[in-house]
C-alpha atoms as a PDB file:
ATOM      1  CA  MET A   1     112.811 128.723  89.898  1.00  0.00           C
ATOM      2  CA  ARG A   2     110.768 125.723  91.063  1.00  0.00           C
ATOM      3  CA  ARG A   3     109.876 123.450  87.907  1.00  0.00           C
ATOM      4  CA  MET A   4     106.375 123.161  87.973  1.00  0.00           C
ATOM      5  CA  ALA A   5     106.266 127.153  87.876  1.00  0.00           C
ATOM      6  CA  ASP A   6     107.435 126.374  83.952  1.00  0.00           C
ATOM      7  CA  GLU A   7     104.224 124.849  82.001  1.00  0.00           C
ATOM      8  CA  ALA A   8     106.477 122.939  79.794  1.00  0.00           C
ATOM      9  CA  PHE A   9     107.789 121.342  82.553  1.00  0.00           C
ATOM     10  CA  ARG A  10     104.353 120.772  84.256  1.00  0.00           C
ATOM     11  CA  ASP A  11     103.499 119.340  80.313  1.00  0.00           C
ATOM     12  CA  GLU A  12     105.943 116.955  81.047  1.00  0.00           C
ATOM     13  CA  GLN A  13     104.928 115.574  84.271  1.00  0.00           C
ATOM     14  CA  GLN A  14     101.688 115.230  82.758  1.00  0.00           C
ATOM     15  CA  ARG A  15     102.907 113.118  79.245  1.00  0.00           C
ATOM     16  CA  ASN A  16     105.018 110.700  81.229  1.00  0.00           C
ATOM     17  CA  ARG A  17     102.706 109.975  84.286  1.00  0.00           C
ATOM     18  CA  TYR A  18     102.385 106.453  83.536  1.00  0.00           C
ATOM     19  CA  ALA A  19     105.914 105.674  82.342  1.00  0.00           C
ATOM     20  CA  PRO A  20     107.141 102.710  83.817  1.00  0.00           C
ATOM     21  CA  HIS A  21     109.226 103.574  86.874  1.00  0.00           C
ATOM     22  CA  VAL A  22     106.176 105.368  87.897  1.00  0.00           C
ATOM     23  CA  ARG A  23     103.017 103.422  86.142  1.00  0.00           C
ATOM     24  CA  PRO A  24     101.963 100.842  89.005  1.00  0.00           C
ATOM     25  CA  VAL A  25     102.190 103.717  91.810  1.00  0.00           C
ATOM     26  CA  ASN A  26      99.948 106.008  89.574  1.00  0.00           C
ATOM     27  CA  GLU A  27      97.657 103.274  88.797  1.00  0.00           C
ATOM     28  CA  MET A  28      97.315 102.265  92.547  1.00  0.00           C
ATOM     29  CA  ILE A  29      96.387 106.049  93.246  1.00  0.00           C
ATOM     30  CA  ASP A  30      93.626 105.496  90.428  1.00  0.00           C
ATOM     31  CA  ALA A  31      92.208 102.897  92.174  1.00  0.00           C
ATOM     32  CA  LEU A  32      92.306 104.487  95.691  1.00  0.00           C
ATOM     33  CA  ARG A  33      90.841 108.185  94.284  1.00  0.00           C
ATOM     34  CA  GLY A  34      87.732 108.103  95.764  1.00  0.00           C
ATOM     35  CA  GLN A  35      87.591 105.174  97.839  1.00  0.00           C
ATOM     36  CA  ASP A  36      85.340 104.550 100.570  1.00  0.00           C
ATOM     37  CA  GLY A  37      84.112 108.767  99.586  1.00  0.00           C
ATOM     38  CA  ARG A  38      87.785 110.065 100.649  1.00  0.00           C
ATOM     39  CA  GLY A  39      87.829 111.978  97.402  1.00  0.00           C
ATOM     40  CA  TRP A  40      91.015 113.021  95.381  1.00  0.00           C
ATOM     41  CA  MET A  41      94.448 112.284  95.513  1.00  0.00           C
ATOM     42  CA  PRO A  42      97.456 113.555  93.615  1.00  0.00           C
ATOM     43  CA  HIS A  43      99.534 111.023  91.216  1.00  0.00           C
ATOM     44  CA  VAL A  44     103.706 110.814  91.984  1.00  0.00           C
ATOM     45  CA  ALA A  45     105.410 112.921  89.460  1.00  0.00           C
ATOM     46  CA  PRO A  46     107.668 110.452  86.864  1.00  0.00           C
ATOM     47  CA  TRP A  47     110.254 113.354  87.977  1.00  0.00           C
ATOM     48  CA  HIS A  48     110.524 111.070  91.044  1.00  0.00           C
ATOM     49  CA  GLY A  49     111.551 107.508  91.312  1.00  0.00           C
ATOM     50  CA  GLY A  50     108.784 105.871  91.648  1.00  0.00           C
ATOM     51  CA  VAL A  51     109.094 101.810  92.118  1.00  0.00           C
ATOM     52  CA  ARG A  52     112.845 102.243  91.062  1.00  0.00           C
ATOM     53  CA  ALA A  53     113.235 104.682  93.961  1.00  0.00           C
ATOM     54  CA  ARG A  54     115.076 103.791  97.198  1.00  0.00           C
ATOM     55  CA  VAL A  55     113.776 106.220  99.563  1.00  0.00           C
ATOM     56  CA  LEU A  56     110.027 106.647 100.266  1.00  0.00           C
ATOM     57  CA  SER A  57     109.330 110.071 101.825  1.00  0.00           C
ATOM     58  CA  VAL A  58     106.442 110.362 104.008  1.00  0.00           C
ATOM     59  CA  LEU A  59     104.676 113.949 104.922  1.00  0.00           C
ATOM     60  CA  ARG A  60     101.644 114.629 106.399  1.00  0.00           C
ATOM     61  CA  ASP A  61      99.167 115.459 103.955  1.00  0.00           C
ATOM     62  CA  PRO A  62      99.011 116.808 100.157  1.00  0.00           C
ATOM     63  CA  GLY A  63      99.048 120.411 100.106  1.00  0.00           C
ATOM     64  CA  PRO A  64      97.161 122.845  98.174  1.00  0.00           C
ATOM     65  CA  LYS A  65     100.130 122.783  95.335  1.00  0.00           C
ATOM     66  CA  THR A  66      99.358 119.161  94.371  1.00  0.00           C
ATOM     67  CA  GLN A  67      95.795 119.760  93.289  1.00  0.00           C
ATOM     68  CA  ASP A  68      94.760 119.403  89.868  1.00  0.00           C
ATOM     69  CA  GLY A  69      94.312 122.685  88.090  1.00  0.00           C
ATOM     70  CA  THR A  70      94.839 124.998  90.678  1.00  0.00           C
ATOM     71  CA  GLY A  71      98.037 123.369  91.273  1.00  0.00           C
ATOM     72  CA  SER A  72     100.503 120.733  89.655  1.00  0.00           C
ATOM     73  CA  GLY A  73      98.183 117.452  90.196  1.00  0.00           C
ATOM     74  CA  PHE A  74     101.228 115.634  91.426  1.00  0.00           C
ATOM     75  CA  LEU A  75     103.348 115.268  94.738  1.00  0.00           C
ATOM     76  CA  CYS A  76     106.799 116.804  93.938  1.00  0.00           C
ATOM     77  CA  VAL A  77     109.393 118.383  95.140  1.00  0.00           C
ATOM     78  CA  GLU A  78     109.165 120.860  92.417  1.00  0.00           C
ATOM     79  CA  ASN A  79     105.878 122.305  93.007  1.00  0.00           C
ATOM     80  CA  ASP A  80     105.462 125.965  93.698  1.00  0.00           C
ATOM     81  CA  ASP A  81     105.174 125.934  97.155  1.00  0.00           C
ATOM     82  CA  PRO A  82     107.469 127.044 100.266  1.00  0.00           C
ATOM     83  CA  THR A  83     107.662 123.289 101.565  1.00  0.00           C
ATOM     84  CA  ALA A  84     108.451 121.327  98.675  1.00  0.00           C
ATOM     85  CA  GLU A  85     111.439 124.406  98.035  1.00  0.00           C
ATOM     86  CA  LEU A  86     112.474 123.560 101.466  1.00  0.00           C
ATOM     87  CA  GLN A  87     112.636 119.605 100.634  1.00  0.00           C
ATOM     88  CA  CYS A  88     114.177 119.992  97.658  1.00  0.00           C
ATOM     89  CA  ARG A  89     116.812 122.218  98.953  1.00  0.00           C
ATOM     90  CA  ALA A  90     117.664 120.160 101.600  1.00  0.00           C
ATOM     91  CA  PHE A  91     117.857 117.108  99.503  1.00  0.00           C
ATOM     92  CA  ASP A  92     120.003 118.622  97.248  1.00  0.00           C
ATOM     93  CA  ALA A  93     122.272 119.793  99.750  1.00  0.00           C
ATOM     94  CA  ALA A  94     122.146 116.042 101.195  1.00  0.00           C
ATOM     95  CA  GLY A  95     123.023 114.631  97.842  1.00  0.00           C
ATOM     96  CA  ILE A  96     119.633 113.264  97.428  1.00  0.00           C
ATOM     97  CA  ALA A  97     118.925 112.914  93.862  1.00  0.00           C
ATOM     98  CA  PRO A  98     114.482 113.044  93.027  1.00  0.00           C
ATOM     99  CA  ARG A  99     115.382 110.039  91.290  1.00  0.00           C
ATOM    100  CA  ASP A 100     116.503 108.422  94.492  1.00  0.00           C
ATOM    101  CA  VAL A 101     113.050 109.200  96.039  1.00  0.00           C
ATOM    102  CA  THR A 102     109.594 108.557  96.087  1.00  0.00           C
ATOM    103  CA  PRO A 103     107.084 111.122  98.013  1.00  0.00           C
ATOM    104  CA  TRP A 104     103.989 109.778  99.972  1.00  0.00           C
ATOM    105  CA  ASN A 105     102.144 111.070 102.771  1.00  0.00           C
ATOM    106  CA  ALA A 106     100.537 109.491 105.757  1.00  0.00           C
ATOM    107  CA  TYR A 107      97.177 110.175 104.735  1.00  0.00           C
ATOM    108  CA  PRO A 108      97.296 110.545 100.707  1.00  0.00           C
ATOM    109  CA  TRP A 109      93.792 111.500  99.805  1.00  0.00           C
ATOM    110  CA  TYR A 110      93.948 115.784  99.755  1.00  0.00           C
ATOM    111  CA  ILE A 111      92.360 117.320 102.437  1.00  0.00           C
ATOM    112  CA  ASN A 112      94.688 120.498 103.720  1.00  0.00           C
ATOM    113  CA  ARG A 113      94.648 119.918 107.078  1.00  0.00           C
ATOM    114  CA  ALA A 114      95.885 117.616 109.911  1.00  0.00           C
ATOM    115  CA  PRO A 115      94.573 114.118 109.492  1.00  0.00           C
ATOM    116  CA  LYS A 116      92.389 112.858 112.254  1.00  0.00           C
ATOM    117  CA  ALA A 117      93.069 109.326 114.018  1.00  0.00           C
ATOM    118  CA  ALA A 118      90.770 107.256 112.189  1.00  0.00           C
ATOM    119  CA  GLU A 119      92.421 109.176 108.538  1.00  0.00           C
ATOM    120  CA  ARG A 120      95.969 107.839 109.791  1.00  0.00           C
ATOM    121  CA  GLN A 121      94.904 104.462 110.131  1.00  0.00           C
ATOM    122  CA  ALA A 122      93.290 104.701 107.281  1.00  0.00           C
ATOM    123  CA  GLY A 123      96.553 105.720 105.705  1.00  0.00           C
ATOM    124  CA  VAL A 124      98.309 102.670 106.466  1.00  0.00           C
ATOM    125  CA  ASP A 125      96.878 100.124 103.887  1.00  0.00           C
ATOM    126  CA  PRO A 126      98.291 102.560 101.248  1.00  0.00           C
ATOM    127  CA  LEU A 127     101.500 102.850 102.630  1.00  0.00           C
ATOM    128  CA  LEU A 128     101.594  99.061 102.617  1.00  0.00           C
ATOM    129  CA  ARG A 129     100.681  98.838  98.928  1.00  0.00           C
ATOM    130  CA  VAL A 130     103.300 101.710  98.131  1.00  0.00           C
ATOM    131  CA  LEU A 131     106.508  99.848 100.359  1.00  0.00           C
ATOM    132  CA  GLY A 132     105.258  96.821  98.017  1.00  0.00           C
ATOM    133  CA  LEU A 133     105.839  98.316  94.886  1.00  0.00           C
ATOM    134  CA  MET A 134     109.414  99.388  95.963  1.00  0.00           C
ATOM    135  CA  PRO A 135     111.705  96.325  95.515  1.00  0.00           C
ATOM    136  CA  ARG A 136     114.665  98.737  95.788  1.00  0.00           C
ATOM    137  CA  LEU A 137     113.825 100.340  98.510  1.00  0.00           C
ATOM    138  CA  ARG A 138     116.478 101.467 101.477  1.00  0.00           C
ATOM    139  CA  VAL A 139     114.975 104.122 103.500  1.00  0.00           C
ATOM    140  CA  VAL A 140     111.687 105.009 104.912  1.00  0.00           C
ATOM    141  CA  LEU A 141     112.012 108.667 105.933  1.00  0.00           C
ATOM    142  CA  LEU A 142     109.331 109.901 107.866  1.00  0.00           C
ATOM    143  CA  GLN A 143     109.049 113.719 108.633  1.00  0.00           C
ATOM    144  CA  GLY A 144     106.787 114.884 111.016  1.00  0.00           C
ATOM    145  CA  ARG A 145     104.128 113.393 113.550  1.00  0.00           C
ATOM    146  CA  ASP A 146     101.535 112.126 111.236  1.00  0.00           C
ATOM    147  CA  ALA A 147     103.806 110.271 109.497  1.00  0.00           C
ATOM    148  CA  GLN A 148     105.530 108.975 112.204  1.00  0.00           C
ATOM    149  CA  ASP A 149     102.141 108.257 113.646  1.00  0.00           C
ATOM    150  CA  THR A 150     100.947 106.068 110.517  1.00  0.00           C
ATOM    151  CA  TRP A 151     104.319 104.191 110.480  1.00  0.00           C
ATOM    152  CA  ARG A 152     103.881 103.203 114.126  1.00  0.00           C
ATOM    153  CA  ARG A 153     100.116 101.978 113.052  1.00  0.00           C
ATOM    154  CA  LEU A 154     101.287 100.109 109.924  1.00  0.00           C
ATOM    155  CA  VAL A 155     104.234  97.796 112.111  1.00  0.00           C
ATOM    156  CA  ALA A 156     101.357  97.616 114.498  1.00  0.00           C
ATOM    157  CA  ARG A 157      99.500  95.166 112.082  1.00  0.00           C
ATOM    158  CA  HIS A 158     102.308  93.967 109.762  1.00  0.00           C
ATOM    159  CA  PRO A 159     105.647  93.887 112.368  1.00  0.00           C
ATOM    160  CA  GLU A 160     107.036  92.064 109.517  1.00  0.00           C
ATOM    161  CA  ILE A 161     108.186  94.916 107.800  1.00  0.00           C
ATOM    162  CA  LEU A 162     110.623  95.787 109.782  1.00  0.00           C
ATOM    163  CA  GLN A 163     112.292  92.129 108.583  1.00  0.00           C
ATOM    164  CA  ARG A 164     112.445  93.616 104.924  1.00  0.00           C
ATOM    165  CA  GLY A 165     116.329  93.012 104.227  1.00  0.00           C
ATOM    166  CA  SER A 166     118.267  96.531 105.193  1.00  0.00           C
ATOM    167  CA  LEU A 167     115.468  98.516 105.514  1.00  0.00           C
ATOM    168  CA  GLN A 168     116.406 101.651 107.333  1.00  0.00           C
ATOM    169  CA  VAL A 169     113.753 104.273 109.049  1.00  0.00           C
ATOM    170  CA  VAL A 170     114.663 107.622 109.558  1.00  0.00           C
ATOM    171  CA  SER A 171     112.278 110.075 111.738  1.00  0.00           C
ATOM    172  CA  THR A 172     112.234 113.947 112.004  1.00  0.00           C
ATOM    173  CA  TYR A 173     110.158 117.507 111.722  1.00  0.00           C
ATOM    174  CA  HIS A 174     108.195 117.777 108.550  1.00  0.00           C
ATOM    175  CA  PRO A 175     109.674 120.137 106.567  1.00  0.00           C
ATOM    176  CA  GLY A 176     106.462 122.906 106.595  1.00  0.00           C
ATOM    177  CA  ARG A 177     107.989 126.391 108.175  1.00  0.00           C
ATOM    178  CA  GLN A 178     105.385 125.805 111.509  1.00  0.00           C
ATOM    179  CA  ALA A 179     106.849 122.681 112.234  1.00  0.00           C
ATOM    180  CA  LEU A 180     110.091 124.227 112.786  1.00  0.00           C
ATOM    181  CA  TRP A 181     108.946 127.489 114.320  1.00  0.00           C
ATOM    182  CA  SER A 182     109.512 127.837 117.864  1.00  0.00           C
ATOM    183  CA  LYS A 183     109.768 131.301 120.002  1.00  0.00           C
ATOM    184  CA  ASP A 184     113.254 129.943 120.977  1.00  0.00           C
ATOM    185  CA  PRO A 185     115.695 130.493 118.595  1.00  0.00           C
ATOM    186  CA  ALA A 186     117.638 127.704 120.105  1.00  0.00           C
ATOM    187  CA  VAL A 187     114.694 124.907 119.866  1.00  0.00           C
ATOM    188  CA  ARG A 188     114.545 126.436 115.946  1.00  0.00           C
ATOM    189  CA  GLN A 189     118.286 125.484 115.160  1.00  0.00           C
ATOM    190  CA  ALA A 190     117.880 122.147 116.795  1.00  0.00           C
ATOM    191  CA  ARG A 191     115.064 121.198 114.918  1.00  0.00           C
ATOM    192  CA  GLY A 192     116.604 122.443 111.397  1.00  0.00           C
ATOM    193  CA  GLN A 193     119.917 120.139 113.112  1.00  0.00           C
ATOM    194  CA  ASP A 194     117.516 117.380 113.297  1.00  0.00           C
ATOM    195  CA  ARG A 195     116.656 117.667 109.548  1.00  0.00           C
ATOM    196  CA  ILE A 196     119.851 117.934 108.103  1.00  0.00           C
ATOM    197  CA  HIS A 197     121.239 115.201 110.359  1.00  0.00           C
ATOM    198  CA  ALA A 198     118.047 113.198 108.981  1.00  0.00           C
ATOM    199  CA  TYR A 199     119.095 113.946 105.478  1.00  0.00           C
ATOM    200  CA  ALA A 200     122.428 113.224 106.296  1.00  0.00           C
ATOM    201  CA  ARG A 201     121.477 109.328 107.422  1.00  0.00           C
ATOM    202  CA  VAL A 202     119.585 108.782 104.325  1.00  0.00           C
ATOM    203  CA  ALA A 203     122.274 110.070 102.261  1.00  0.00           C
ATOM    204  CA  GLN A 204     124.872 107.175 103.597  1.00  0.00           C
ATOM    205  CA  ALA A 205     122.170 104.773 103.533  1.00  0.00           C
ATOM    206  CA  LEU A 206     121.832 105.121  99.925  1.00  0.00           C
ATOM    207  CA  ALA A 207     125.639 105.343  99.469  1.00  0.00           C
ATOM    208  CA  GLU A 208     126.113 102.312 101.665  1.00  0.00           C
ATOM    209  CA  SER A 209     123.273 100.241  99.452  1.00  0.00           C
END
């Protein structure tokens, strides 16, 4: 069972949303909510590593199950939706623990659609701020074209980020079913294998750090 479907688990995440390891990230999110009229943004679940994580996993935008009220109110691999489930299983298969990861998005405000170019640009500053809160960061995992585009925009503005210690950047497909789909079974298999290899690279980087 996906843990966020369990009321006791959800309540625990709510109680601990300002626990020391996630407080800096979630207080930043509080400040970003409504910025420039952009609306709501989910917290990062304390199930994850927060500022202590060694992996920043960047997807596209928060999905419906991150919504407060109708969903968990959190970014979390235990959310009750297919993308989160696929992500959770893939991390587990690679030996990547939830506390090793902090989830994020190319456009971190809730829109539930692909962000436009200007929105991906708006996601650069929040992404930079999250990076600055994670002193143990070793890997940025960019899942999907939107995440990769926002990262390119960040590097264009702040090329010094690539000089940060032993930071590795790993790119692969978004974990949603639509991103992996193709009429050609060989293409579907290749995309799936690409993701498996990417997660293996992340796990190897963690083992070496």
